[in-house]
């Protein structure tokens, strides 16, 4: 997976959707469980909405366009390629981010490794 998507990523960073802005406010600056997330992060031919290298997790915020059959097929193929590279893809609906950011964060927290109990 080689392709320079840095210019595309920079452009996307300048025009986040409202739901992406809301989620970014919670993920940036290690605010979420001390984990480093990047927004609009280029990996191979793709630009991921949010990416945590430590967990190798991509968080994709899906708006209404993702319900269209052609987009759903593209998303599935893209996700398969990312998973083949060892990146777990978590999809969250934009309306869920806007309606209950706390629930979205809790679902993401389930992916965070916890220290073993004594």
PDB file of N, CA and C in Angstrom:
ATOM      1  N   UNK A   1       0.841  -1.177   0.000  1.00  0.00           N
ATOM      2  CA  UNK A   1       0.000   0.000   0.000  1.00  0.00           C
ATOM      3  C   UNK A   1       0.888   1.242   0.000  1.00  0.00           C
ATOM      4  N   UNK A   2       1.226   1.730  -1.149  1.00  0.00           N
ATOM      5  CA  UNK A   2       2.035   2.935  -1.227  1.00  0.00           C
ATOM      6  C   UNK A   2       1.327   3.968  -2.099  1.00  0.00           C
ATOM      7  N   UNK A   3       1.174   5.133  -1.548  1.00  0.00           N
ATOM      8  CA  UNK A   3       0.640   6.260  -2.299  1.00  0.00           C
ATOM      9  C   UNK A   3       0.714   7.472  -1.397  1.00  0.00           C
ATOM     10  N   UNK A   4       1.119   8.574  -1.932  1.00  0.00           N
ATOM     11  CA  UNK A   4       1.269   9.773  -1.128  1.00  0.00           C
ATOM     12  C   UNK A   4      -0.055  10.516  -1.057  1.00  0.00           C
ATOM     13  N   UNK A   5      -0.751  10.356   0.051  1.00  0.00           N
ATOM     14  CA  UNK A   5      -2.029  11.031   0.251  1.00  0.00           C
ATOM     15  C   UNK A   5      -1.922  12.196   1.214  1.00  0.00           C
ATOM     16  N   UNK A   6      -0.721  12.649   1.504  1.00  0.00           N
ATOM     17  CA  UNK A   6      -0.546  13.745   2.454  1.00  0.00           C
ATOM     18  C   UNK A   6      -1.289  15.001   2.005  1.00  0.00           C
ATOM     19  N   UNK A   7      -1.185  15.420   0.735  1.00  0.00           N
ATOM     20  CA  UNK A   7      -1.945  16.618   0.336  1.00  0.00           C
ATOM     21  C   UNK A   7      -3.458  16.454   0.534  1.00  0.00           C
ATOM     22  N   UNK A   8      -3.987  15.285   0.203  1.00  0.00           N
ATOM     23  CA  UNK A   8      -5.420  15.041   0.391  1.00  0.00           C
ATOM     24  C   UNK A   8      -5.778  15.077   1.872  1.00  0.00           C
ATOM     25  N   UNK A   9      -4.928  14.488   2.707  1.00  0.00           N
ATOM     26  CA  UNK A   9      -5.178  14.484   4.150  1.00  0.00           C
ATOM     27  C   UNK A   9      -5.181  15.908   4.695  1.00  0.00           C
ATOM     28  N   UNK A  10      -4.236  16.718   4.257  1.00  0.00           N
ATOM     29  CA  UNK A  10      -4.183  18.118   4.723  1.00  0.00           C
ATOM     30  C   UNK A  10      -5.449  18.868   4.349  1.00  0.00           C
ATOM     31  N   UNK A  11      -5.928  18.639   3.138  1.00  0.00           N
ATOM     32  CA  UNK A  11      -7.150  19.307   2.697  1.00  0.00           C
ATOM     33  C   UNK A  11      -8.347  18.850   3.534  1.00  0.00           C
ATOM     34  N   UNK A  12      -8.437  17.550   3.801  1.00  0.00           N
ATOM     35  CA  UNK A  12      -9.546  17.026   4.601  1.00  0.00           C
ATOM     36  C   UNK A  12      -9.509  17.548   6.036  1.00  0.00           C
ATOM     37  N   UNK A  13      -8.323  17.765   6.582  1.00  0.00           N
ATOM     38  CA  UNK A  13      -8.211  18.290   7.946  1.00  0.00           C
ATOM     39  C   UNK A  13      -8.826  19.682   8.065  1.00  0.00           C
ATOM     40  N   UNK A  14      -8.793  20.422   6.962  1.00  0.00           N
ATOM     41  CA  UNK A  14      -9.332  21.782   6.985  1.00  0.00           C
ATOM     42  C   UNK A  14     -10.854  21.823   6.887  1.00  0.00           C
ATOM     43  N   UNK A  15     -11.458  20.700   6.548  1.00  0.00           N
ATOM     44  CA  UNK A  15     -12.920  20.707   6.387  1.00  0.00           C
ATOM     45  C   UNK A  15     -13.584  19.488   7.027  1.00  0.00           C
ATOM     46  N   UNK A  16     -13.364  19.333   8.316  1.00  0.00           N
ATOM     47  CA  UNK A  16     -14.007  18.248   9.055  1.00  0.00           C
ATOM     48  C   UNK A  16     -15.510  18.489   9.131  1.00  0.00           C
ATOM     49  N   UNK A  17     -16.265  17.409   9.155  1.00  0.00           N
ATOM     50  CA  UNK A  17     -17.714  17.514   9.333  1.00  0.00           C
ATOM     51  C   UNK A  17     -18.001  17.866  10.792  1.00  0.00           C
ATOM     52  N   UNK A  18     -19.210  18.331  11.097  1.00  0.00           N
ATOM     53  CA  UNK A  18     -19.538  18.635  12.500  1.00  0.00           C
ATOM     54  C   UNK A  18     -19.343  17.438  13.435  1.00  0.00           C
ATOM     55  N   UNK A  19     -19.723  16.248  12.988  1.00  0.00           N
ATOM     56  CA  UNK A  19     -19.553  15.066  13.847  1.00  0.00           C
ATOM     57  C   UNK A  19     -18.070  14.733  14.026  1.00  0.00           C
ATOM     58  N   UNK A  20     -17.261  14.904  12.977  1.00  0.00           N
ATOM     59  CA  UNK A  20     -15.819  14.680  13.106  1.00  0.00           C
ATOM     60  C   UNK A  20     -15.196  15.696  14.059  1.00  0.00           C
ATOM     61  N   UNK A  21     -15.624  16.947  13.974  1.00  0.00           N
ATOM     62  CA  UNK A  21     -15.125  17.973  14.903  1.00  0.00           C
ATOM     63  C   UNK A  21     -15.459  17.627  16.348  1.00  0.00           C
ATOM     64  N   UNK A  22     -16.677  17.159  16.568  1.00  0.00           N
ATOM     65  CA  UNK A  22     -17.112  16.790  17.912  1.00  0.00           C
ATOM     66  C   UNK A  22     -16.276  15.634  18.463  1.00  0.00           C
ATOM     67  N   UNK A  23     -16.052  14.621  17.648  1.00  0.00           N
ATOM     68  CA  UNK A  23     -15.252  13.477  18.094  1.00  0.00           C
ATOM     69  C   UNK A  23     -13.790  13.877  18.267  1.00  0.00           C
ATOM     70  N   UNK A  24     -13.271  14.685  17.367  1.00  0.00           N
ATOM     71  CA  UNK A  24     -11.878  15.126  17.464  1.00  0.00           C
ATOM     72  C   UNK A  24     -11.639  15.893  18.765  1.00  0.00           C
ATOM     73  N   UNK A  25     -12.599  16.680  19.198  1.00  0.00           N
ATOM     74  CA  UNK A  25     -12.454  17.420  20.457  1.00  0.00           C
ATOM     75  C   UNK A  25     -12.240  16.470  21.633  1.00  0.00           C
ATOM     76  N   UNK A  26     -12.764  15.247  21.534  1.00  0.00           N
ATOM     77  CA  UNK A  26     -12.615  14.261  22.605  1.00  0.00           C
ATOM     78  C   UNK A  26     -11.354  13.413  22.467  1.00  0.00           C
ATOM     79  N   UNK A  27     -10.855  13.259  21.240  1.00  0.00           N
ATOM     80  CA  UNK A  27      -9.707  12.379  20.995  1.00  0.00           C
ATOM     81  C   UNK A  27      -8.370  13.116  20.986  1.00  0.00           C
ATOM     82  N   UNK A  28      -8.357  14.386  20.658  1.00  0.00           N
ATOM     83  CA  UNK A  28      -7.107  15.118  20.464  1.00  0.00           C
ATOM     84  C   UNK A  28      -6.324  15.291  21.763  1.00  0.00           C
ATOM     85  N   UNK A  29      -5.047  15.551  21.612  1.00  0.00           N
ATOM     86  CA  UNK A  29      -4.157  15.854  22.746  1.00  0.00           C
ATOM     87  C   UNK A  29      -4.175  14.778  23.830  1.00  0.00           C
ATOM     88  N   UNK A  30      -4.329  13.530  23.422  1.00  0.00           N
ATOM     89  CA  UNK A  30      -4.331  12.388  24.352  1.00  0.00           C
ATOM     90  C   UNK A  30      -5.436  12.482  25.414  1.00  0.00           C
ATOM     91  N   UNK A  31      -6.523  13.157  25.089  1.00  0.00           N
ATOM     92  CA  UNK A  31      -7.635  13.314  26.035  1.00  0.00           C
ATOM     93  C   UNK A  31      -8.380  12.010  26.271  1.00  0.00           C
ATOM     94  N   UNK A  32      -8.300  11.110  25.321  1.00  0.00           N
ATOM     95  CA  UNK A  32      -9.027   9.849  25.433  1.00  0.00           C
ATOM     96  C   UNK A  32      -8.068   8.772  25.931  1.00  0.00           C
ATOM     97  N   UNK A  33      -8.123   8.487  27.214  1.00  0.00           N
ATOM     98  CA  UNK A  33      -7.334   7.424  27.852  1.00  0.00           C
ATOM     99  C   UNK A  33      -5.828   7.538  27.583  1.00  0.00           C
ATOM    100  N   UNK A  34      -5.358   8.755  27.331  1.00  0.00           N
ATOM    101  CA  UNK A  34      -3.928   8.969  27.111  1.00  0.00           C
ATOM    102  C   UNK A  34      -3.416   8.455  25.776  1.00  0.00           C
ATOM    103  N   UNK A  35      -4.321   8.091  24.874  1.00  0.00           N
ATOM    104  CA  UNK A  35      -3.935   7.544  23.572  1.00  0.00           C
ATOM    105  C   UNK A  35      -3.767   8.653  22.544  1.00  0.00           C
ATOM    106  N   UNK A  36      -2.783   8.514  21.689  1.00  0.00           N
ATOM    107  CA  UNK A  36      -2.517   9.489  20.629  1.00  0.00           C
ATOM    108  C   UNK A  36      -3.318   9.123  19.390  1.00  0.00           C
ATOM    109  N   UNK A  37      -4.248   9.987  19.031  1.00  0.00           N
ATOM    110  CA  UNK A  37      -5.013   9.832  17.802  1.00  0.00           C
ATOM    111  C   UNK A  37      -4.585  10.904  16.818  1.00  0.00           C
ATOM    112  N   UNK A  38      -4.604  10.557  15.557  1.00  0.00           N
ATOM    113  CA  UNK A  38      -4.348  11.504  14.478  1.00  0.00           C
ATOM    114  C   UNK A  38      -5.639  11.640  13.684  1.00  0.00           C
ATOM    115  N   UNK A  39      -5.896  12.831  13.184  1.00  0.00           N
ATOM    116  CA  UNK A  39      -7.097  13.021  12.358  1.00  0.00           C
ATOM    117  C   UNK A  39      -6.705  13.071  10.897  1.00  0.00           C
ATOM    118  N   UNK A  40      -7.593  12.557  10.073  1.00  0.00           N
ATOM    119  CA  UNK A  40      -7.371  12.532   8.628  1.00  0.00           C
ATOM    120  C   UNK A  40      -5.953  12.058   8.324  1.00  0.00           C
ATOM    121  N   UNK A  41      -5.660  10.851   8.786  1.00  0.00           N
ATOM    122  CA  UNK A  41      -4.316  10.278   8.703  1.00  0.00           C
ATOM    123  C   UNK A  41      -4.161   9.422   7.446  1.00  0.00           C
ATOM    124  N   UNK A  42      -3.165   9.744   6.607  1.00  0.00           N
ATOM    125  CA  UNK A  42      -2.969   8.953   5.391  1.00  0.00           C
ATOM    126  C   UNK A  42      -2.263   7.629   5.679  1.00  0.00           C
ATOM    127  N   UNK A  43      -2.830   6.560   5.139  1.00  0.00           N
ATOM    128  CA  UNK A  43      -2.198   5.236   5.181  1.00  0.00           C
ATOM    129  C   UNK A  43      -2.408   4.621   3.804  1.00  0.00           C
ATOM    130  N   UNK A  44      -1.316   4.371   3.120  1.00  0.00           N
ATOM    131  CA  UNK A  44      -1.413   3.836   1.764  1.00  0.00           C
ATOM    132  C   UNK A  44      -2.270   4.739   0.907  1.00  0.00           C
ATOM    133  N   UNK A  45      -3.197   4.154   0.158  1.00  0.00           N
ATOM    134  CA  UNK A  45      -4.040   4.963  -0.721  1.00  0.00           C
ATOM    135  C   UNK A  45      -5.234   5.600  -0.008  1.00  0.00           C
ATOM    136  N   UNK A  46      -5.325   5.427   1.308  1.00  0.00           N
ATOM    137  CA  UNK A  46      -6.497   5.873   2.056  1.00  0.00           C
ATOM    138  C   UNK A  46      -6.160   7.009   3.010  1.00  0.00           C
ATOM    139  N   UNK A  47      -7.196   7.766   3.371  1.00  0.00           N
ATOM    140  CA  UNK A  47      -7.094   8.749   4.437  1.00  0.00           C
ATOM    141  C   UNK A  47      -8.123   8.330   5.476  1.00  0.00           C
ATOM    142  N   UNK A  48      -7.637   8.028   6.680  1.00  0.00           N
ATOM    143  CA  UNK A  48      -8.505   7.559   7.761  1.00  0.00           C
ATOM    144  C   UNK A  48      -9.000   8.747   8.571  1.00  0.00           C
ATOM    145  N   UNK A  49     -10.273   8.720   8.981  1.00  0.00           N
ATOM    146  CA  UNK A  49     -10.810   9.831   9.760  1.00  0.00           C
ATOM    147  C   UNK A  49      -9.967  10.051  11.018  1.00  0.00           C
ATOM    148  N   UNK A  50      -9.791   8.991  11.814  1.00  0.00           N
ATOM    149  CA  UNK A  50      -8.973   9.048  13.026  1.00  0.00           C
ATOM    150  C   UNK A  50      -8.180   7.754  13.119  1.00  0.00           C
ATOM    151  N   UNK A  51      -6.946   7.860  13.602  1.00  0.00           N
ATOM    152  CA  UNK A  51      -6.096   6.670  13.670  1.00  0.00           C
ATOM    153  C   UNK A  51      -5.245   6.718  14.931  1.00  0.00           C
ATOM    154  N   UNK A  52      -5.200   5.585  15.640  1.00  0.00           N
ATOM    155  CA  UNK A  52      -4.342   5.413  16.808  1.00  0.00           C
ATOM    156  C   UNK A  52      -3.333   4.323  16.468  1.00  0.00           C
ATOM    157  N   UNK A  53      -2.066   4.724  16.319  1.00  0.00           N
ATOM    158  CA  UNK A  53      -1.022   3.772  15.949  1.00  0.00           C
ATOM    159  C   UNK A  53      -0.772   2.759  17.058  1.00  0.00           C
ATOM    160  N   UNK A  54      -0.847   3.206  18.304  1.00  0.00           N
ATOM    161  CA  UNK A  54      -0.595   2.318  19.446  1.00  0.00           C
ATOM    162  C   UNK A  54      -1.540   1.119  19.440  1.00  0.00           C
ATOM    163  N   UNK A  55      -2.815   1.358  19.115  1.00  0.00           N
ATOM    164  CA  UNK A  55      -3.808   0.279  19.071  1.00  0.00           C
ATOM    165  C   UNK A  55      -3.989  -0.295  17.670  1.00  0.00           C
ATOM    166  N   UNK A  56      -3.422   0.383  16.678  1.00  0.00           N
ATOM    167  CA  UNK A  56      -3.633   0.048  15.263  1.00  0.00           C
ATOM    168  C   UNK A  56      -5.129  -0.009  14.973  1.00  0.00           C
ATOM    169  N   UNK A  57      -5.808   1.082  15.368  1.00  0.00           N
ATOM    170  CA  UNK A  57      -7.250   1.213  15.212  1.00  0.00           C
ATOM    171  C   UNK A  57      -7.560   2.468  14.413  1.00  0.00           C
ATOM    172  N   UNK A  58      -8.414   2.307  13.412  1.00  0.00           N
ATOM    173  CA  UNK A  58      -8.951   3.432  12.657  1.00  0.00           C
ATOM    174  C   UNK A  58     -10.403   3.631  13.077  1.00  0.00           C
ATOM    175  N   UNK A  59     -10.781   4.868  13.322  1.00  0.00           N
ATOM    176  CA  UNK A  59     -12.168   5.192  13.636  1.00  0.00           C
ATOM    177  C   UNK A  59     -12.719   5.984  12.455  1.00  0.00           C
ATOM    178  N   UNK A  60     -13.731   5.441  11.831  1.00  0.00           N
ATOM    179  CA  UNK A  60     -14.355   6.078  10.676  1.00  0.00           C
ATOM    180  C   UNK A  60     -15.742   6.573  11.069  1.00  0.00           C
ATOM    181  N   UNK A  61     -15.998   7.852  10.824  1.00  0.00           N
ATOM    182  CA  UNK A  61     -17.297   8.452  11.114  1.00  0.00           C
ATOM    183  C   UNK A  61     -18.103   8.424   9.821  1.00  0.00           C
ATOM    184  N   UNK A  62     -19.187   7.663   9.840  1.00  0.00           N
ATOM    185  CA  UNK A  62     -19.997   7.454   8.633  1.00  0.00           C
ATOM    186  C   UNK A  62     -21.234   8.337   8.638  1.00  0.00           C
ATOM    187  N   UNK A  63     -21.310   9.228   7.656  1.00  0.00           N
ATOM    188  CA  UNK A  63     -22.503  10.035   7.431  1.00  0.00           C
ATOM    189  C   UNK A  63     -23.469   9.280   6.535  1.00  0.00           C
ATOM    190  N   UNK A  64     -24.499   9.956   6.097  1.00  0.00           N
ATOM    191  CA  UNK A  64     -25.554   9.348   5.302  1.00  0.00           C
ATOM    192  C   UNK A  64     -25.086   8.729   3.995  1.00  0.00           C
ATOM    193  N   UNK A  65     -24.056   9.288   3.389  1.00  0.00           N
ATOM    194  CA  UNK A  65     -23.568   8.765   2.104  1.00  0.00           C
ATOM    195  C   UNK A  65     -23.107   7.313   2.209  1.00  0.00           C
ATOM    196  N   UNK A  66     -22.694   6.903   3.388  1.00  0.00           N
ATOM    197  CA  UNK A  66     -22.168   5.543   3.574  1.00  0.00           C
ATOM    198  C   UNK A  66     -23.264   4.477   3.517  1.00  0.00           C
ATOM    199  N   UNK A  67     -24.527   4.899   3.516  1.00  0.00           N
ATOM    200  CA  UNK A  67     -25.642   3.945   3.399  1.00  0.00           C
ATOM    201  C   UNK A  67     -25.917   3.589   1.937  1.00  0.00           C
ATOM    202  N   UNK A  68     -25.377   4.363   1.015  1.00  0.00           N
ATOM    203  CA  UNK A  68     -25.575   4.073  -0.417  1.00  0.00           C
ATOM    204  C   UNK A  68     -24.847   2.786  -0.779  1.00  0.00           C
ATOM    205  N   UNK A  69     -25.476   1.937  -1.599  1.00  0.00           N
ATOM    206  CA  UNK A  69     -24.876   0.631  -1.931  1.00  0.00           C
ATOM    207  C   UNK A  69     -23.460   0.723  -2.499  1.00  0.00           C
ATOM    208  N   UNK A  70     -23.215   1.634  -3.419  1.00  0.00           N
ATOM    209  CA  UNK A  70     -21.874   1.736  -4.018  1.00  0.00           C
ATOM    210  C   UNK A  70     -20.848   2.142  -2.964  1.00  0.00           C
ATOM    211  N   UNK A  71     -21.218   3.080  -2.102  1.00  0.00           N
ATOM    212  CA  UNK A  71     -20.292   3.516  -1.055  1.00  0.00           C
ATOM    213  C   UNK A  71     -20.074   2.402  -0.036  1.00  0.00           C
ATOM    214  N   UNK A  72     -21.130   1.663   0.290  1.00  0.00           N
ATOM    215  CA  UNK A  72     -21.004   0.547   1.239  1.00  0.00           C
ATOM    216  C   UNK A  72     -20.058  -0.521   0.689  1.00  0.00           C
ATOM    217  N   UNK A  73     -20.128  -0.792  -0.612  1.00  0.00           N
ATOM    218  CA  UNK A  73     -19.211  -1.769  -1.211  1.00  0.00           C
ATOM    219  C   UNK A  73     -17.772  -1.260  -1.150  1.00  0.00           C
ATOM    220  N   UNK A  74     -17.575   0.007  -1.464  1.00  0.00           N
ATOM    221  CA  UNK A  74     -16.235   0.596  -1.403  1.00  0.00           C
ATOM    222  C   UNK A  74     -15.700   0.535   0.033  1.00  0.00           C
ATOM    223  N   UNK A  75     -16.545   0.905   1.001  1.00  0.00           N
ATOM    224  CA  UNK A  75     -16.132   0.882   2.413  1.00  0.00           C
ATOM    225  C   UNK A  75     -15.724  -0.521   2.844  1.00  0.00           C
ATOM    226  N   UNK A  76     -16.480  -1.530   2.421  1.00  0.00           N
ATOM    227  CA  UNK A  76     -16.176  -2.917   2.794  1.00  0.00           C
ATOM    228  C   UNK A  76     -14.844  -3.361   2.189  1.00  0.00           C
ATOM    229  N   UNK A  77     -14.610  -3.022   0.933  1.00  0.00           N
ATOM    230  CA  UNK A  77     -13.348  -3.393   0.285  1.00  0.00           C
ATOM    231  C   UNK A  77     -12.180  -2.670   0.949  1.00  0.00           C
ATOM    232  N   UNK A  78     -12.356  -1.403   1.233  1.00  0.00           N
ATOM    233  CA  UNK A  78     -11.324  -0.601   1.898  1.00  0.00           C
ATOM    234  C   UNK A  78     -11.010  -1.174   3.284  1.00  0.00           C
ATOM    235  N   UNK A  79     -12.064  -1.495   4.031  1.00  0.00           N
ATOM    236  CA  UNK A  79     -11.886  -2.054   5.366  1.00  0.00           C
ATOM    237  C   UNK A  79     -11.138  -3.378   5.301  1.00  0.00           C
ATOM    238  N   UNK A  80     -11.460  -4.206   4.341  1.00  0.00           N
ATOM    239  CA  UNK A  80     -10.779  -5.490   4.177  1.00  0.00           C
ATOM    240  C   UNK A  80      -9.280  -5.287   3.924  1.00  0.00           C
ATOM    241  N   UNK A  81      -8.939  -4.341   3.063  1.00  0.00           N
ATOM    242  CA  UNK A  81      -7.525  -4.058   2.785  1.00  0.00           C
ATOM    243  C   UNK A  81      -6.803  -3.547   4.034  1.00  0.00           C
ATOM    244  N   UNK A  82      -7.458  -2.678   4.787  1.00  0.00           N
ATOM    245  CA  UNK A  82      -6.845  -2.167   6.018  1.00  0.00           C
ATOM    246  C   UNK A  82      -6.659  -3.286   7.037  1.00  0.00           C
ATOM    247  N   UNK A  83      -7.655  -4.149   7.173  1.00  0.00           N
ATOM    248  CA  UNK A  83      -7.547  -5.260   8.118  1.00  0.00           C
ATOM    249  C   UNK A  83      -6.450  -6.229   7.700  1.00  0.00           C
ATOM    250  N   UNK A  84      -6.243  -6.393   6.396  1.00  0.00           N
ATOM    251  CA  UNK A  84      -5.138  -7.227   5.918  1.00  0.00           C
ATOM    252  C   UNK A  84      -3.789  -6.649   6.349  1.00  0.00           C
ATOM    253  N   UNK A  85      -3.739  -5.343   6.573  1.00  0.00           N
ATOM    254  CA  UNK A  85      -2.521  -4.665   7.047  1.00  0.00           C
ATOM    255  C   UNK A  85      -2.438  -4.630   8.569  1.00  0.00           C
ATOM    256  N   UNK A  86      -3.407  -5.276   9.241  1.00  0.00           N
ATOM    257  CA  UNK A  86      -3.396  -5.333  10.703  1.00  0.00           C
ATOM    258  C   UNK A  86      -4.031  -4.134  11.381  1.00  0.00           C
ATOM    259  N   UNK A  87      -4.831  -3.375  10.644  1.00  0.00           N
ATOM    260  CA  UNK A  87      -5.501  -2.211  11.211  1.00  0.00           C
ATOM    261  C   UNK A  87      -6.974  -2.552  11.428  1.00  0.00           C
ATOM    262  N   UNK A  88      -7.410  -2.427  12.655  1.00  0.00           N
ATOM    263  CA  UNK A  88      -8.815  -2.670  12.972  1.00  0.00           C
ATOM    264  C   UNK A  88      -9.603  -1.405  12.642  1.00  0.00           C
ATOM    265  N   UNK A  89     -10.719  -1.572  11.966  1.00  0.00           N
ATOM    266  CA  UNK A  89     -11.543  -0.435  11.572  1.00  0.00           C
ATOM    267  C   UNK A  89     -12.825  -0.446  12.397  1.00  0.00           C
ATOM    268  N   UNK A  90     -13.075   0.661  13.080  1.00  0.00           N
ATOM    269  CA  UNK A  90     -14.291   0.826  13.864  1.00  0.00           C
ATOM    270  C   UNK A  90     -15.119   1.904  13.184  1.00  0.00           C
ATOM    271  N   UNK A  91     -16.336   1.563  12.833  1.00  0.00           N
ATOM    272  CA  UNK A  91     -17.219   2.510  12.160  1.00  0.00           C
ATOM    273  C   UNK A  91     -18.246   3.025  13.167  1.00  0.00           C
ATOM    274  N   UNK A  92     -18.398   4.338  13.218  1.00  0.00           N
ATOM    275  CA  UNK A  92     -19.421   4.952  14.066  1.00  0.00           C
ATOM    276  C   UNK A  92     -20.276   5.849  13.184  1.00  0.00           C
ATOM    277  N   UNK A  93     -21.546   5.883  13.466  1.00  0.00           N
ATOM    278  CA  UNK A  93     -22.450   6.716  12.673  1.00  0.00           C
ATOM    279  C   UNK A  93     -22.356   8.161  13.135  1.00  0.00           C
ATOM    280  N   UNK A  94     -22.360   9.070  12.188  1.00  0.00           N
ATOM    281  CA  UNK A  94     -22.267  10.498  12.497  1.00  0.00           C
ATOM    282  C   UNK A  94     -23.388  10.923  13.443  1.00  0.00           C
ATOM    283  N   UNK A  95     -24.591  10.416  13.206  1.00  0.00           N
ATOM    284  CA  UNK A  95     -25.710  10.818  14.067  1.00  0.00           C
ATOM    285  C   UNK A  95     -25.527  10.307  15.497  1.00  0.00           C
ATOM    286  N   UNK A  96     -24.850   9.168  15.681  1.00  0.00           N
ATOM    287  CA  UNK A  96     -24.576   8.677  17.033  1.00  0.00           C
ATOM    288  C   UNK A  96     -23.570   9.581  17.738  1.00  0.00           C
ATOM    289  N   UNK A  97     -22.577  10.048  17.006  1.00  0.00           N
ATOM    290  CA  UNK A  97     -21.582  10.971  17.582  1.00  0.00           C
ATOM    291  C   UNK A  97     -22.285  12.242  18.050  1.00  0.00           C
ATOM    292  N   UNK A  98     -23.177  12.759  17.221  1.00  0.00           N
ATOM    293  CA  UNK A  98     -23.861  14.010  17.554  1.00  0.00           C
ATOM    294  C   UNK A  98     -24.917  13.834  18.639  1.00  0.00           C
ATOM    295  N   UNK A  99     -25.563  12.671  18.684  1.00  0.00           N
ATOM    296  CA  UNK A  99     -26.639  12.441  19.651  1.00  0.00           C
ATOM    297  C   UNK A  99     -26.113  12.035  21.026  1.00  0.00           C
ATOM    298  N   UNK A 100     -25.041  11.217  21.063  1.00  0.00           N
ATOM    299  CA  UNK A 100     -24.554  10.704  22.351  1.00  0.00           C
ATOM    300  C   UNK A 100     -23.067  10.384  22.258  1.00  0.00           C
ATOM    301  N   UNK A 101     -22.247  11.408  22.302  1.00  0.00           N
ATOM    302  CA  UNK A 101     -20.797  11.239  22.193  1.00  0.00           C
ATOM    303  C   UNK A 101     -20.271  10.341  23.312  1.00  0.00           C
ATOM    304  N   UNK A 102     -20.889  10.398  24.476  1.00  0.00           N
ATOM    305  CA  UNK A 102     -20.458   9.568  25.605  1.00  0.00           C
ATOM    306  C   UNK A 102     -20.561   8.080  25.292  1.00  0.00           C
ATOM    307  N   UNK A 103     -21.656   7.680  24.662  1.00  0.00           N
ATOM    308  CA  UNK A 103     -21.833   6.268  24.301  1.00  0.00           C
ATOM    309  C   UNK A 103     -20.814   5.848  23.250  1.00  0.00           C
ATOM    310  N   UNK A 104     -20.530   6.731  22.311  1.00  0.00           N
ATOM    311  CA  UNK A 104     -19.526   6.422  21.284  1.00  0.00           C
ATOM    312  C   UNK A 104     -18.163   6.237  21.943  1.00  0.00           C
ATOM    313  N   UNK A 105     -17.815   7.122  22.866  1.00  0.00           N
ATOM    314  CA  UNK A 105     -16.528   7.005  23.547  1.00  0.00           C
ATOM    315  C   UNK A 105     -16.449   5.722  24.367  1.00  0.00           C
ATOM    316  N   UNK A 106     -17.541   5.329  24.990  1.00  0.00           N
ATOM    317  CA  UNK A 106     -17.550   4.079  25.756  1.00  0.00           C
ATOM    318  C   UNK A 106     -17.345   2.880  24.840  1.00  0.00           C
ATOM    319  N   UNK A 107     -17.928   2.914  23.653  1.00  0.00           N
ATOM    320  CA  UNK A 107     -17.723   1.802  22.721  1.00  0.00           C
ATOM    321  C   UNK A 107     -16.265   1.760  22.263  1.00  0.00           C
ATOM    322  N   UNK A 108     -15.645   2.916  22.105  1.00  0.00           N
ATOM    323  CA  UNK A 108     -14.223   2.954  21.758  1.00  0.00           C
ATOM    324  C   UNK A 108     -13.353   2.509  22.928  1.00  0.00           C
ATOM    325  N   UNK A 109     -13.782   2.841  24.121  1.00  0.00           N
ATOM    326  CA  UNK A 109     -13.020   2.472  25.317  1.00  0.00           C
ATOM    327  C   UNK A 109     -12.922   0.953  25.456  1.00  0.00           C
ATOM    328  N   UNK A 110     -13.904   0.240  24.938  1.00  0.00           N
ATOM    329  CA  UNK A 110     -13.873  -1.226  24.993  1.00  0.00           C
ATOM    330  C   UNK A 110     -12.680  -1.780  24.214  1.00  0.00           C
ATOM    331  N   UNK A 111     -12.130  -0.994  23.296  1.00  0.00           N
ATOM    332  CA  UNK A 111     -10.969  -1.422  22.511  1.00  0.00           C
ATOM    333  C   UNK A 111      -9.646  -1.146  23.222  1.00  0.00           C
ATOM    334  N   UNK A 112      -9.707  -0.336  24.257  1.00  0.00           N
ATOM    335  CA  UNK A 112      -8.489   0.085  24.954  1.00  0.00           C
ATOM    336  C   UNK A 112      -8.010  -1.019  25.883  1.00  0.00           C
ATOM    337  N   UNK A 113      -6.758  -1.443  25.730  1.00  0.00           N
ATOM    338  CA  UNK A 113      -6.260  -2.482  26.633  1.00  0.00           C
ATOM    339  C   UNK A 113      -6.208  -1.983  28.076  1.00  0.00           C
ATOM    340  N   UNK A 114      -6.619  -2.819  28.970  1.00  0.00           N
ATOM    341  CA  UNK A 114      -6.636  -2.489  30.407  1.00  0.00           C
ATOM    342  C   UNK A 114      -5.589  -3.334  31.113  1.00  0.00           C
ATOM    343  N   UNK A 115      -4.978  -2.776  32.176  1.00  0.00           N
ATOM    344  CA  UNK A 115      -4.042  -3.595  32.939  1.00  0.00           C
ATOM    345  C   UNK A 115      -4.794  -4.733  33.633  1.00  0.00           C
ATOM    346  N   UNK A 116      -4.150  -5.885  33.792  1.00  0.00           N
ATOM    347  CA  UNK A 116      -4.822  -7.025  34.447  1.00  0.00           C
ATOM    348  C   UNK A 116      -5.152  -6.693  35.895  1.00  0.00           C
ATOM    349  N   UNK A 117      -6.254  -7.241  36.360  1.00  0.00           N
ATOM    350  CA  UNK A 117      -6.652  -7.051  37.757  1.00  0.00           C
ATOM    351  C   UNK A 117      -5.764  -7.896  38.663  1.00  0.00           C
ATOM    352  N   UNK A 118      -5.448  -7.390  39.878  1.00  0.00           N
ATOM    353  CA  UNK A 118      -4.586  -8.165  40.791  1.00  0.00           C
ATOM    354  C   UNK A 118      -5.260  -9.408  41.327  1.00  0.00           C
TER     355      UNK A 118
END
